[in-house]
Amino acid sequence: MTSTLIEQIQQFYDASSSLWEEAWGEHMHHGYYGPDGKQKKNRRQAQIDMIEELLQWGAANEASSLWPPTSILDVGCGIGGSTLYLAEKFNATATGITLSPVQAKRAKERSESANLSQQTNFIVADALDMPFADESYDLVWSLESGEHMPNKQKFLQECHRVLKPGGTIIMATWCHRPVDSSNGELTDDERRHLADIYRVYALPYVISLPEYEAIAQNIGFQDICTADWSTAAAPFWDVVIESAFDPKVLVSLLFSGWTTIEAALSLGLMSRGYERGLIKFGLLCGNK
């Protein structure tokens, strides 16, 4: 990645991760609110349900010889929420990578508290240049990290490289709506909306789900499946907006620095992006 973007992402998560954990827990990703988005559940349960639903979806669509996985890579691991969950669920070894030293340190602390430090490892690493040998993992898991990648092709190439033959990738990422003959190109207003999201959340750009699928095919992934879970995930932002008014959260927010405050003030950007059909929660799985 470019050094400037790496610094932006590092600073964003170094500054905001402790607030996120204090206010919302260990999982830094969308929740799952049923196929129609109308299931009522607490936010943490919705986030755990998202992991479980993704696993079921990936396993149902992939005929992997390496399932259940015994070696897992979590690309963009945050403070280790998914990594620890997957390691425990599958009794597997799991490695998490993040650009944020603060996140990696906290993930290690959490692994020790959960008695999973023997099974898990957390390191600061660039997903576009991963420090792992070819064919190292049964499962590459990427839950909302693709949007941070400045080169989507290089990102998927690296995921493909470190997968064992027969291994599986399961990823969920922020996308924009498809741009094709029936949907039309992005409008100037849509581009401005996306630019605001990029600026606030330290993103270089996002692409559409069909573009991800084309990249995965070109790289050589097999049995590729995609899905749009925007309806199931979109209610998450309204839940987060509501919880941001908790007095405890507001106090912590005031001490967290401007980038975190701006991100909190801009939560509505994502909610409105889903409402207008601009933001999509895209899934992709495939085998090597």
Protein backbone atom coordinates (compact mmCIF):
# COMPACT_ATOMS: atom_id res chain seq x y z
CA MET A 1 0.00 0.00 0.00
CA THR A 2 1.05 3.60 -0.33
CA SER A 3 2.71 4.87 2.82
CA THR A 4 0.23 7.75 3.13
CA LEU A 5 -2.78 5.44 3.03
CA ILE A 6 -1.14 3.01 5.47
CA GLU A 7 -0.58 5.91 7.87
CA GLN A 8 -4.17 7.09 7.50
CA ILE A 9 -5.56 3.60 8.20
CA GLN A 10 -3.16 3.07 11.11
CA GLN A 11 -4.05 6.41 12.67
CA PHE A 12 -7.78 5.87 12.15
CA TYR A 13 -7.82 2.48 13.89
CA ASP A 14 -5.17 3.33 16.48
CA ALA A 15 -7.38 6.22 17.55
CA SER A 16 -10.82 4.62 17.31
CA SER A 17 -10.41 0.95 18.27
CA SER A 18 -10.51 1.38 22.04
CA LEU A 19 -13.67 3.49 21.80
CA TRP A 20 -15.29 0.95 19.50
CA GLU A 21 -14.46 -1.88 21.88
CA GLU A 22 -15.67 -0.01 24.94
CA ALA A 23 -18.92 1.03 23.31
CA TRP A 24 -19.70 -1.86 20.99
CA GLY A 25 -17.50 -4.84 21.86
CA GLU A 26 -14.85 -6.83 20.05
CA HIS A 27 -16.46 -7.20 16.62
CA MET A 28 -15.76 -4.37 14.18
CA HIS A 29 -18.15 -5.34 11.43
CA HIS A 30 -21.80 -5.28 10.32
CA GLY A 31 -24.46 -7.38 11.97
CA TYR A 32 -26.91 -9.74 10.27
CA TYR A 33 -30.60 -8.90 10.69
CA GLY A 34 -32.19 -11.67 8.62
CA PRO A 35 -32.60 -11.84 4.83
CA ASP A 36 -35.22 -9.07 4.97
CA GLY A 37 -33.28 -6.98 7.51
CA LYS A 38 -36.19 -7.03 9.96
CA GLN A 39 -35.03 -9.42 12.68
CA LYS A 40 -34.73 -7.67 16.04
CA LYS A 41 -31.64 -8.62 18.03
CA ASN A 42 -28.92 -6.93 20.04
CA ARG A 43 -25.98 -5.62 18.07
CA ARG A 44 -23.39 -8.07 19.36
CA GLN A 45 -25.61 -11.06 18.59
CA ALA A 46 -26.20 -9.66 15.12
CA GLN A 47 -22.43 -9.48 14.58
CA ILE A 48 -21.91 -13.07 15.72
CA ASP A 49 -24.80 -14.11 13.49
CA MET A 50 -23.04 -12.41 10.58
CA ILE A 51 -19.98 -14.63 11.11
CA GLU A 52 -22.12 -17.76 11.37
CA GLU A 53 -24.23 -16.89 8.33
CA LEU A 54 -21.10 -16.19 6.27
CA LEU A 55 -19.61 -19.53 7.27
CA GLN A 56 -22.80 -21.38 6.39
CA TRP A 57 -23.07 -19.53 3.08
CA GLY A 58 -19.43 -20.20 2.20
CA ALA A 59 -19.57 -23.87 3.19
CA ALA A 60 -22.81 -24.39 1.25
CA ASN A 61 -21.34 -22.92 -1.92
CA GLU A 62 -17.86 -24.45 -1.81
CA ALA A 63 -16.93 -28.12 -2.19
CA SER A 64 -13.66 -27.67 -0.33
CA SER A 65 -11.47 -30.64 0.55
CA LEU A 66 -10.10 -28.55 3.43
CA TRP A 67 -13.35 -27.94 5.29
CA PRO A 68 -13.62 -27.56 8.20
CA PRO A 69 -10.43 -25.49 8.15
CA THR A 70 -7.54 -26.15 10.52
CA SER A 71 -5.42 -23.13 9.49
CA ILE A 72 -7.08 -19.73 9.06
CA LEU A 73 -5.89 -16.28 7.99
CA ASP A 74 -8.01 -13.29 9.01
CA VAL A 75 -7.11 -10.38 6.72
CA GLY A 76 -7.89 -7.11 8.47
CA CYS A 77 -8.50 -8.69 11.86
CA GLY A 78 -9.29 -5.61 13.95
CA ILE A 79 -8.88 -6.48 17.63
CA GLY A 80 -9.25 -10.17 16.87
CA GLY A 81 -13.01 -10.67 17.12
CA SER A 82 -13.41 -12.99 14.13
CA THR A 83 -9.97 -14.56 14.51
CA LEU A 84 -10.64 -15.75 18.04
CA TYR A 85 -14.18 -16.83 17.18
CA LEU A 86 -13.03 -18.93 14.23
CA ALA A 87 -10.06 -20.42 16.10
CA GLU A 88 -12.33 -21.55 18.90
CA LYS A 89 -15.18 -22.74 16.68
CA PHE A 90 -12.97 -24.91 14.47
CA ASN A 91 -10.28 -25.68 17.06
CA ALA A 92 -7.91 -24.29 14.43
CA THR A 93 -4.79 -22.19 14.34
CA ALA A 94 -5.58 -18.66 13.21
CA THR A 95 -3.45 -15.67 12.26
CA GLY A 96 -4.80 -12.14 12.11
CA ILE A 97 -3.15 -9.26 10.29
CA THR A 98 -3.85 -5.55 10.68
CA LEU A 99 -2.08 -2.31 9.83
CA SER A 100 -2.72 -1.00 13.34
CA PRO A 101 -0.15 -1.79 16.07
CA VAL A 102 -2.75 -0.80 18.67
CA GLN A 103 -5.20 -3.37 17.28
CA ALA A 104 -2.56 -6.12 17.08
CA LYS A 105 -1.54 -5.52 20.69
CA ARG A 106 -5.14 -5.55 21.90
CA ALA A 107 -5.92 -8.70 19.90
CA LYS A 108 -3.01 -10.47 21.59
CA GLU A 109 -4.28 -9.39 25.00
CA ARG A 110 -7.74 -10.66 24.16
CA SER A 111 -6.34 -13.99 22.95
CA GLU A 112 -4.60 -14.46 26.29
CA SER A 113 -7.79 -13.63 28.19
CA ALA A 114 -9.69 -16.18 26.10
CA ASN A 115 -6.99 -18.85 26.60
CA LEU A 116 -6.44 -18.94 22.84
CA SER A 117 -2.91 -17.54 22.64
CA GLN A 118 -1.51 -20.97 21.73
CA GLN A 119 -3.81 -21.18 18.70
CA THR A 120 -3.67 -17.59 17.48
CA ASN A 121 -1.14 -15.05 16.31
CA PHE A 122 -1.56 -11.36 15.50
CA ILE A 123 0.87 -9.31 13.47
CA VAL A 124 1.12 -5.91 11.83
CA ALA A 125 1.28 -6.59 8.09
CA ASP A 126 0.21 -5.21 4.72
CA ALA A 127 -2.42 -7.37 2.99
CA LEU A 128 -0.92 -6.47 -0.38
CA ASP A 129 2.43 -7.94 0.62
CA MET A 130 1.75 -10.66 3.17
CA PRO A 131 4.72 -12.19 5.01
CA PHE A 132 3.50 -15.76 4.52
CA ALA A 133 4.68 -18.63 2.34
CA ASP A 134 2.61 -19.79 -0.63
CA GLU A 135 -0.12 -22.32 0.17
CA SER A 136 -0.19 -21.72 3.94
CA TYR A 137 -3.89 -21.60 4.84
CA ASP A 138 -7.08 -23.64 4.48
CA LEU A 139 -9.31 -20.57 4.83
CA VAL A 140 -8.70 -16.91 4.06
CA TRP A 141 -11.31 -14.81 5.85
CA SER A 142 -11.76 -11.13 5.02
CA LEU A 143 -14.62 -9.39 6.79
CA GLU A 144 -14.81 -5.75 5.73
CA SER A 145 -11.19 -5.11 4.85
CA GLY A 146 -11.35 -5.13 1.04
CA GLU A 147 -12.65 -1.57 1.01
CA HIS A 148 -9.35 -0.40 2.51
CA MET A 149 -7.24 -1.98 -0.26
CA PRO A 150 -5.83 0.47 -2.83
CA ASN A 151 -5.27 -2.38 -5.30
CA LYS A 152 -8.14 -4.86 -5.26
CA GLN A 153 -6.44 -7.20 -7.74
CA LYS A 154 -3.21 -7.39 -5.75
CA PHE A 155 -5.26 -8.01 -2.61
CA LEU A 156 -7.09 -11.00 -4.13
CA GLN A 157 -3.87 -12.27 -5.73
CA GLU A 158 -2.22 -12.35 -2.30
CA CYS A 159 -5.24 -14.15 -0.81
CA HIS A 160 -5.03 -16.70 -3.64
CA ARG A 161 -1.26 -17.12 -3.19
CA VAL A 162 -1.41 -17.97 0.51
CA LEU A 163 -4.33 -20.40 0.14
CA LYS A 164 -3.60 -24.10 -0.05
CA PRO A 165 -4.93 -25.92 -3.13
CA GLY A 166 -8.51 -26.77 -2.25
CA GLY A 167 -8.66 -23.91 0.25
CA THR A 168 -11.46 -21.36 0.45
CA ILE A 169 -11.74 -17.59 0.54
CA ILE A 170 -14.76 -16.02 2.22
CA MET A 171 -14.94 -12.27 2.06
CA ALA A 172 -17.49 -9.56 2.73
CA THR A 173 -16.75 -6.01 1.70
CA TRP A 174 -18.28 -2.61 1.13
CA CYS A 175 -19.13 -2.10 -2.54
CA HIS A 176 -20.93 0.49 -4.61
CA ARG A 177 -23.88 -0.43 -6.77
CA PRO A 178 -23.24 -2.23 -10.07
CA VAL A 179 -22.45 0.02 -13.01
CA ASP A 180 -23.65 -1.56 -16.24
CA SER A 181 -25.98 -0.90 -19.14
CA SER A 182 -29.10 -1.41 -17.03
CA ASN A 183 -27.91 0.52 -13.95
CA GLY A 184 -25.90 3.28 -15.60
CA GLU A 185 -22.67 4.91 -14.46
CA LEU A 186 -22.32 6.54 -11.04
CA THR A 187 -23.80 10.03 -10.99
CA ASP A 188 -21.83 13.07 -9.83
CA ASP A 189 -23.92 13.14 -6.67
CA GLU A 190 -23.19 9.47 -5.98
CA ARG A 191 -19.47 10.09 -6.52
CA ARG A 192 -19.56 12.97 -4.03
CA HIS A 193 -21.34 10.76 -1.49
CA LEU A 194 -18.70 8.03 -1.93
CA ALA A 195 -15.88 10.59 -1.67
CA ASP A 196 -17.21 11.70 1.73
CA ILE A 197 -17.27 8.08 2.93
CA TYR A 198 -13.72 7.51 1.64
CA ARG A 199 -12.42 10.57 3.45
CA VAL A 200 -14.07 9.78 6.77
CA TYR A 201 -13.26 6.05 6.89
CA ALA A 202 -9.75 6.12 5.33
CA LEU A 203 -10.75 4.27 2.16
CA PRO A 204 -9.01 4.63 -1.22
CA TYR A 205 -12.11 3.60 -3.21
CA VAL A 206 -14.67 0.80 -3.47
CA ILE A 207 -15.79 -1.17 -6.51
CA SER A 208 -18.92 -3.10 -7.42
CA LEU A 209 -19.46 -6.77 -6.61
CA PRO A 210 -19.44 -7.81 -10.31
CA GLU A 211 -16.00 -6.18 -10.58
CA TYR A 212 -14.74 -8.26 -7.63
CA GLU A 213 -16.12 -11.39 -9.28
CA ALA A 214 -14.32 -10.59 -12.55
CA ILE A 215 -11.02 -10.04 -10.70
CA ALA A 216 -11.41 -13.33 -8.82
CA GLN A 217 -12.08 -15.19 -12.08
CA ASN A 218 -9.04 -13.64 -13.76
CA ILE A 219 -6.80 -14.63 -10.85
CA GLY A 220 -7.94 -18.25 -11.07
CA PHE A 221 -10.37 -18.79 -8.20
CA GLN A 222 -12.76 -21.68 -8.85
CA ASP A 223 -16.44 -22.15 -7.98
CA ILE A 224 -16.88 -18.43 -7.36
CA CYS A 225 -20.12 -17.36 -5.70
CA THR A 226 -21.26 -13.84 -4.87
CA ALA A 227 -24.21 -12.42 -2.96
CA ASP A 228 -25.60 -9.03 -2.05
CA TRP A 229 -26.54 -8.92 1.63
CA SER A 230 -27.19 -5.19 1.79
CA THR A 231 -30.75 -5.64 3.08
CA ALA A 232 -29.59 -7.99 5.86
CA ALA A 233 -26.72 -5.70 6.95
CA ALA A 234 -28.01 -2.15 6.47
CA PRO A 235 -29.93 -1.86 9.80
CA PHE A 236 -26.58 -2.07 11.59
CA TRP A 237 -25.84 1.61 11.00
CA ASP A 238 -29.06 2.81 12.59
CA VAL A 239 -28.27 0.65 15.64
CA VAL A 240 -24.78 2.17 15.87
CA ILE A 241 -26.13 5.72 15.47
CA GLU A 242 -28.61 5.09 18.26
CA SER A 243 -25.93 3.67 20.58
CA ALA A 244 -23.63 6.64 19.90
CA PHE A 245 -25.94 8.78 22.04
CA ASP A 246 -25.20 6.68 25.12
CA PRO A 247 -23.63 9.09 27.67
CA LYS A 248 -20.67 6.74 28.25
CA VAL A 249 -19.97 6.65 24.53
CA LEU A 250 -20.28 10.41 24.16
CA VAL A 251 -17.77 11.03 26.95
CA SER A 252 -15.27 8.56 25.47
CA LEU A 253 -15.81 10.07 22.04
CA LEU A 254 -14.84 13.53 23.25
CA PHE A 255 -11.43 12.20 24.31
CA SER A 256 -10.81 10.09 21.22
CA GLY A 257 -9.55 12.72 18.78
CA TRP A 258 -11.03 14.49 15.79
CA THR A 259 -10.79 11.64 13.24
CA THR A 260 -12.89 9.40 15.48
CA ILE A 261 -15.35 12.19 16.28
CA GLU A 262 -15.74 12.95 12.57
CA ALA A 263 -16.33 9.27 11.80
CA ALA A 264 -19.01 9.12 14.51
CA LEU A 265 -20.67 12.29 13.25
CA SER A 266 -20.65 10.79 9.75
CA LEU A 267 -22.37 7.48 10.53
CA GLY A 268 -25.37 8.74 8.59
CA LEU A 269 -23.31 8.70 5.39
CA MET A 270 -23.37 4.91 5.42
CA SER A 271 -27.00 4.65 6.47
CA ARG A 272 -28.07 7.00 3.67
CA GLY A 273 -25.78 5.18 1.24
CA TYR A 274 -27.69 1.96 1.85
CA GLU A 275 -31.06 3.72 1.68
CA ARG A 276 -30.38 5.14 -1.76
CA GLY A 277 -28.96 1.85 -3.08
CA LEU A 278 -25.46 3.26 -3.54
CA ILE A 279 -23.67 1.23 -0.85
CA LYS A 280 -23.79 -2.55 -1.11
CA PHE A 281 -22.65 -5.24 1.33
CA GLY A 282 -21.02 -7.69 -1.08
CA LEU A 283 -19.99 -11.31 -0.47
CA LEU A 284 -17.56 -13.43 -2.46
CA CYS A 285 -16.33 -16.97 -1.91
CA GLY A 286 -14.25 -19.28 -4.05
CA ASN A 287 -11.80 -22.18 -4.00
CA LYS A 288 -8.21 -22.46 -5.12
